[in-house]
Protein backbone atom coordinates (compact mmCIF):
# COMPACT_ATOMS: atom_id res chain seq x y z
CA MET A 1 105.24 137.21 109.78
CA ASN A 2 105.43 134.06 107.68
CA ASP A 3 107.90 131.71 108.07
CA THR A 4 107.59 130.70 104.21
CA THR A 5 110.67 128.03 101.95
CA VAL A 6 112.39 131.00 99.95
CA ILE A 7 112.44 128.83 96.47
CA PRO A 8 115.28 130.44 94.76
CA LEU A 9 114.41 132.26 91.42
CA GLU A 10 116.03 129.98 88.98
CA GLU A 11 113.69 127.15 90.06
CA ARG A 12 110.22 128.87 89.95
CA ARG A 13 109.35 127.23 86.90
CA PRO A 14 106.32 127.17 85.71
CA ARG A 15 103.71 124.57 86.99
CA GLU A 16 104.21 121.34 84.90
CA ARG A 17 102.07 120.12 82.48
CA LYS A 18 100.16 116.58 84.01
CA PRO A 19 100.19 113.61 82.48
CA PRO A 20 96.70 111.72 81.43
CA TRP A 21 97.23 109.25 84.59
CA LEU A 22 97.29 112.10 87.08
CA LYS A 23 93.77 113.80 85.55
CA VAL A 24 91.14 113.25 88.48
CA ARG A 25 87.42 114.91 88.35
CA PHE A 26 86.58 118.25 90.00
CA PRO A 27 85.25 117.75 93.37
CA ALA A 28 81.16 117.79 93.20
CA GLY A 29 78.50 115.89 94.45
CA ASP A 30 75.67 115.68 97.59
CA GLY A 31 78.19 114.18 99.85
CA TYR A 32 81.07 116.70 98.97
CA GLN A 33 78.63 119.33 99.68
CA ARG A 34 77.74 117.70 102.82
CA ILE A 35 80.80 117.17 104.34
CA LYS A 36 82.15 120.83 103.36
CA SER A 37 79.21 121.93 105.23
CA LEU A 38 79.51 119.90 108.40
CA LEU A 39 83.45 121.08 108.62
CA ARG A 40 82.27 124.63 108.26
CA THR A 41 79.59 124.22 111.04
CA HIS A 42 81.59 121.96 113.52
CA GLU A 43 84.79 124.44 112.84
CA LEU A 44 86.88 121.69 111.69
CA HIS A 45 89.73 121.60 109.11
CA THR A 46 90.95 118.72 107.05
CA VAL A 47 93.91 117.71 105.44
CA CYS A 48 92.00 117.12 102.28
CA GLU A 49 91.25 120.69 101.74
CA GLU A 50 94.60 122.22 103.41
CA ALA A 51 96.98 120.46 100.86
CA HIS A 52 95.17 120.24 97.88
CA CYS A 53 94.46 116.88 97.59
CA PRO A 54 93.49 115.66 94.35
CA ASN A 55 91.26 112.22 95.98
CA ILE A 56 89.12 114.80 97.75
CA GLY A 57 86.18 114.56 95.31
CA GLU A 58 86.16 110.49 95.79
CA CYS A 59 87.01 110.73 99.97
CA PHE A 60 84.26 113.62 100.59
CA ASN A 61 81.68 111.65 98.37
CA SER A 62 82.10 108.14 99.95
CA GLY A 63 82.09 110.11 103.25
CA THR A 64 85.62 110.23 104.68
CA ALA A 65 87.89 112.85 105.06
CA THR A 66 91.11 113.36 107.05
CA PHE A 67 90.47 115.44 109.99
CA MET A 68 93.47 118.50 110.49
CA ILE A 69 93.27 119.50 114.48
CA LEU A 70 95.28 122.24 116.25
CA GLY A 71 94.47 124.84 113.85
CA ASP A 72 95.33 125.16 110.25
CA THR A 73 98.87 127.18 110.45
CA CYS A 74 101.95 125.26 110.57
CA THR A 75 105.29 126.40 112.38
CA ARG A 76 107.20 124.50 109.70
CA SER A 77 107.66 125.64 106.08
CA CYS A 78 108.23 122.26 103.92
CA GLY A 79 108.76 123.16 100.53
CA PHE A 80 106.06 120.75 99.31
CA CYS A 81 103.44 121.22 101.71
CA ALA A 82 100.11 123.48 100.89
CA VAL A 83 99.03 124.16 104.37
CA THR A 84 99.81 127.66 105.44
CA THR A 85 102.76 128.37 107.41
CA GLY A 86 103.11 130.87 110.35
CA ARG A 87 102.59 131.54 113.96
CA PRO A 88 99.50 130.00 115.03
CA GLU A 89 96.90 131.23 117.93
CA PRO A 90 99.05 130.07 120.90
CA THR A 91 96.14 128.84 122.97
CA LEU A 92 94.62 125.31 122.14
CA ASP A 93 90.87 124.66 121.51
CA TRP A 94 90.67 122.15 123.91
CA LEU A 95 86.74 121.70 122.82
CA GLU A 96 87.67 120.28 119.48
CA PRO A 97 87.77 116.79 120.40
CA VAL A 98 84.26 117.08 121.42
CA ARG A 99 83.52 118.77 118.12
CA LEU A 100 85.29 115.89 115.98
CA ALA A 101 83.69 112.92 117.75
CA ARG A 102 80.44 114.70 117.34
CA SER A 103 81.27 114.67 113.57
CA VAL A 104 82.38 111.30 113.24
CA ARG A 105 78.99 110.21 114.52
CA THR A 106 76.74 112.51 112.42
CA LEU A 107 78.97 110.78 109.47
CA GLY A 108 78.55 107.13 111.12
CA LEU A 109 82.32 106.54 110.13
CA ASP A 110 83.79 102.98 111.44
CA TYR A 111 86.97 104.52 110.52
CA VAL A 112 88.91 107.70 110.73
CA VAL A 113 92.27 109.78 110.08
CA ILE A 114 93.37 112.78 112.33
CA THR A 115 96.42 114.44 111.52
CA SER A 116 97.41 117.86 112.51
CA VAL A 117 99.74 120.49 111.39
CA ASN A 118 103.09 120.93 113.18
CA ARG A 119 102.65 122.92 116.37
CA ASP A 120 106.63 123.56 117.72
CA ASP A 121 105.17 126.22 119.52
CA GLN A 122 103.29 124.26 122.06
CA PRO A 123 105.98 122.14 124.69
CA ASP A 124 103.98 118.79 124.18
CA GLY A 125 103.92 119.49 120.04
CA GLY A 126 100.14 119.28 120.35
CA ALA A 127 99.95 115.47 121.83
CA GLY A 128 97.71 116.13 124.97
CA ILE A 129 95.20 116.91 122.05
CA PHE A 130 95.70 114.15 119.75
CA ALA A 131 95.14 112.31 123.01
CA ALA A 132 91.93 113.98 123.56
CA CYS A 133 90.78 113.42 120.56
CA ILE A 134 91.30 109.70 120.47
CA ARG A 135 89.48 109.47 123.40
CA ALA A 136 86.41 111.59 122.55
CA ILE A 137 85.82 109.79 119.48
CA ARG A 138 86.32 105.94 121.32
CA ASN A 139 84.06 107.24 123.82
CA ASP A 140 81.51 108.77 121.46
CA ASN A 141 81.36 106.15 118.81
CA ALA A 142 81.69 102.47 119.87
CA GLY A 143 84.00 100.19 117.31
CA CYS A 144 85.10 103.33 115.38
CA ARG A 145 88.81 102.59 114.91
CA VAL A 146 90.99 105.69 114.87
CA GLU A 147 94.45 106.30 112.80
CA VAL A 148 96.37 109.60 113.64
CA LEU A 149 99.07 110.54 111.12
CA VAL A 150 101.14 112.51 113.85
CA PRO A 151 103.78 114.83 113.60
CA ASP A 152 107.79 113.75 114.60
CA PHE A 153 107.24 116.31 118.07
CA LEU A 154 111.01 117.08 117.77
CA GLY A 155 111.57 113.95 118.94
CA GLU A 156 110.55 114.14 122.50
CA ARG A 157 109.35 110.94 123.53
CA ASP A 158 107.02 111.87 126.34
CA ALA A 159 104.86 113.53 123.60
CA LEU A 160 104.77 109.96 121.54
CA ALA A 161 104.01 108.14 124.88
CA THR A 162 101.11 110.59 125.34
CA VAL A 163 99.57 109.52 121.74
CA VAL A 164 100.44 105.91 121.94
CA ASP A 165 99.12 105.26 125.60
CA ALA A 166 95.54 107.05 124.17
CA LYS A 167 95.79 103.67 121.64
CA PRO A 168 94.84 104.55 118.21
CA PHE A 169 94.32 101.71 115.73
CA VAL A 170 97.30 102.93 113.43
CA LEU A 171 100.05 105.23 114.32
CA ASN A 172 101.40 107.24 110.67
CA HIS A 173 104.18 109.31 110.75
CA ASN A 174 105.40 110.15 107.19
CA VAL A 175 109.21 110.36 106.36
CA GLU A 176 108.27 112.15 103.20
CA THR A 177 111.61 111.59 100.94
CA VAL A 178 114.86 110.15 100.71
CA PRO A 179 117.87 111.32 103.16
CA ARG A 180 119.94 113.27 100.76
CA LEU A 181 116.67 115.48 100.14
CA TYR A 182 115.62 116.33 103.86
CA GLY A 183 117.48 119.87 103.69
CA ARG A 184 115.20 121.15 100.31
CA VAL A 185 112.03 119.16 101.07
CA ARG A 186 112.02 119.63 104.55
CA PRO A 187 114.17 121.41 105.92
CA LYS A 188 112.78 121.59 109.76
CA ALA A 189 112.82 117.89 110.07
CA ARG A 190 115.53 114.91 110.10
CA TYR A 191 115.45 111.88 108.39
CA GLU A 192 116.73 110.00 111.40
CA ARG A 193 114.44 111.47 114.06
CA SER A 194 111.22 110.49 112.06
CA VAL A 195 112.50 106.79 111.94
CA ALA A 196 113.38 106.76 115.19
CA LEU A 197 109.75 108.30 116.43
CA LEU A 198 108.52 104.91 114.26
CA ARG A 199 110.69 102.58 116.04
CA ALA A 200 109.86 104.21 119.45
CA ALA A 201 105.96 103.69 119.03
CA LYS A 202 106.31 100.04 118.50
CA GLU A 203 108.26 99.43 121.30
CA ARG A 204 106.11 101.16 123.36
CA ASP A 205 103.32 99.27 122.34
CA PRO A 206 104.17 96.21 119.93
CA SER A 207 100.60 95.62 119.32
CA LEU A 208 99.94 99.22 117.46
CA LEU A 209 100.14 98.86 113.94
CA THR A 210 102.98 101.58 112.32
CA LYS A 211 102.89 103.23 109.25
CA SER A 212 104.53 105.42 107.04
CA GLY A 213 104.92 107.52 103.55
CA LEU A 214 106.91 108.89 101.23
CA MET A 215 106.62 110.89 97.89
CA VAL A 216 108.57 110.05 94.63
CA GLY A 217 109.47 113.13 91.69
CA LEU A 218 111.62 115.08 93.79
CA GLY A 219 114.67 114.17 92.08
CA GLU A 220 115.45 110.28 94.26
CA THR A 221 115.80 107.24 92.55
CA GLN A 222 114.63 103.99 93.09
CA ASP A 223 117.36 102.85 94.92
CA GLU A 224 116.92 105.58 97.07
CA VAL A 225 113.50 104.67 97.53
CA PHE A 226 114.43 101.25 98.46
CA GLY A 227 116.89 102.22 101.23
CA VAL A 228 113.98 104.14 103.05
CA MET A 229 112.03 101.22 102.38
CA ALA A 230 114.31 99.04 104.37
CA ASP A 231 115.16 101.72 107.22
CA LEU A 232 111.13 101.31 107.76
CA ARG A 233 111.11 97.75 108.05
CA SER A 234 113.97 97.73 110.39
CA ALA A 235 111.83 100.52 112.04
CA ASN A 236 109.29 97.32 112.39
CA VAL A 237 106.55 99.79 110.51
CA ASP A 238 103.80 97.45 109.35
CA LEU A 239 102.22 99.87 106.52
CA LEU A 240 103.69 102.14 103.64
CA THR A 241 102.08 104.21 101.21
CA ILE A 242 104.28 106.01 98.11
CA GLY A 243 102.57 108.15 95.74
CA GLN A 244 103.76 110.94 93.77
CA TYR A 245 104.23 114.36 94.42
CA LEU A 246 102.11 117.29 93.27
CA ARG A 247 102.89 120.90 93.09
CA PRO A 248 100.34 123.07 94.53
CA SER A 249 101.60 126.56 92.85
CA ALA A 250 104.70 128.02 91.74
CA GLN A 251 106.28 128.94 95.17
CA HIS A 252 106.49 125.17 95.73
CA LEU A 253 109.27 123.28 95.31
CA PRO A 254 108.86 121.93 91.17
CA VAL A 255 108.01 118.44 89.63
CA GLU A 256 111.25 116.67 88.64
CA ARG A 257 109.53 113.80 87.57
CA TYR A 258 106.08 112.52 86.74
CA VAL A 259 106.38 108.73 87.77
CA PRO A 260 104.39 106.54 85.02
CA PRO A 261 102.09 104.16 86.81
CA GLU A 262 103.83 100.94 85.79
CA GLU A 263 107.38 101.86 87.58
CA PHE A 264 105.21 101.60 91.43
CA ALA A 265 104.86 98.25 90.56
CA PRO A 266 108.62 97.38 91.96
CA TYR A 267 107.64 99.18 95.16
CA VAL A 268 104.94 96.56 96.16
CA GLU A 269 107.26 93.90 95.43
CA ARG A 270 110.03 95.19 97.41
CA GLY A 271 107.71 95.73 100.25
CA ARG A 272 106.31 91.89 99.82
CA VAL A 273 110.01 90.65 100.02
CA LEU A 274 110.93 93.43 103.21
CA GLY A 275 107.86 91.98 105.01
CA PHE A 276 105.78 95.23 105.10
CA ARG A 277 101.77 94.11 105.99
CA ASN A 278 100.81 96.12 103.15
CA VAL A 279 102.43 98.74 100.34
CA GLU A 280 100.01 101.00 98.27
CA ALA A 281 102.10 102.71 96.14
CA GLY A 282 100.61 104.47 92.90
CA PRO A 283 100.29 108.02 91.58
CA LEU A 284 97.58 109.34 93.55
CA VAL A 285 97.90 107.68 96.68
CA ARG A 286 98.10 109.50 99.59
CA SER A 287 99.24 108.88 103.03
CA SER A 288 95.56 108.28 103.99
CA TYR A 289 93.37 107.28 100.78
CA ARG A 290 91.36 104.45 101.51
CA ALA A 291 93.44 103.90 105.20
CA HIS A 292 90.39 101.63 106.16
CA ARG A 293 91.07 99.31 103.49
CA GLN A 294 94.96 99.12 103.57
CA VAL A 295 94.68 97.84 107.46
CA GLY A 296 92.54 95.21 106.51
CA LEU A 297 89.33 95.14 108.52
CA GLU A 298 88.39 91.76 108.65
CA SER A 299 91.85 90.68 109.39
CA ALA A 300 92.08 93.14 112.17
CA LEU A 301 88.56 92.19 113.65
CA ALA A 302 89.44 88.18 113.46
CA GLU A 303 92.72 88.90 115.52
CA GLY A 304 90.69 90.67 117.94
CA ARG A 305 92.65 94.19 117.77
CA ALA A 306 89.30 95.99 116.50
């Protein structure tokens, strides 16, 4: 039986008409088809496909993708997310890291983003598979840098340590929205737990780049977003992404407001004042969109981190 978020009838409004600044081309092209074929051959999933990302065409055609491990069924039921919710297969696929590393080599990637569904059914939340993927990619693709977008592991510090000790280049965990909206947007998550995870990751490895992201358009205020940004900086988060929430279907939370492009500029400026290394903010910005550019690979190489 699926564990799905029930949207009250009064909130099941027709899907909103998107403004001009959110229009994107239908995904197509040789690069797009090549990656689609490769994913099917190696039995891999991407969050690009599962979450209906609007940037999928651009990313696939440039030879990049955000790989989603641990299956395609999530144990949580966030009101904004298009990934399937339910009871995943209990047995983990320990060959997945090998297939993922081979795909990275085939694509010739030098920067990879790995995320996952939530696996609250697993004692370590799937942290062991995350670590195995990081090591497999590094062993099979010399010089490739790995960014991981991890769940909160229910706050289990040992699970987080398993991932951090595998030495990803960037560790990302999205807070997604402001604290006031958590009960509606992320009913099985806790804002304080997410911020604590990011703080703990930095404490375990101060050289690790940490990252987070959130959506706007769900009913938050600008001051609330500024408050989240301050909390993340207090946890020594380095990188931040802010983008427009897009409703995947009529069964998901409605868009309360489409935020015009010019209203993202104050978030970039506030991020500079707070001391973030980089803030990417805009209507189509997503957590892993152009991730390799956000970290600034040239400066990373100069610092000897790559």
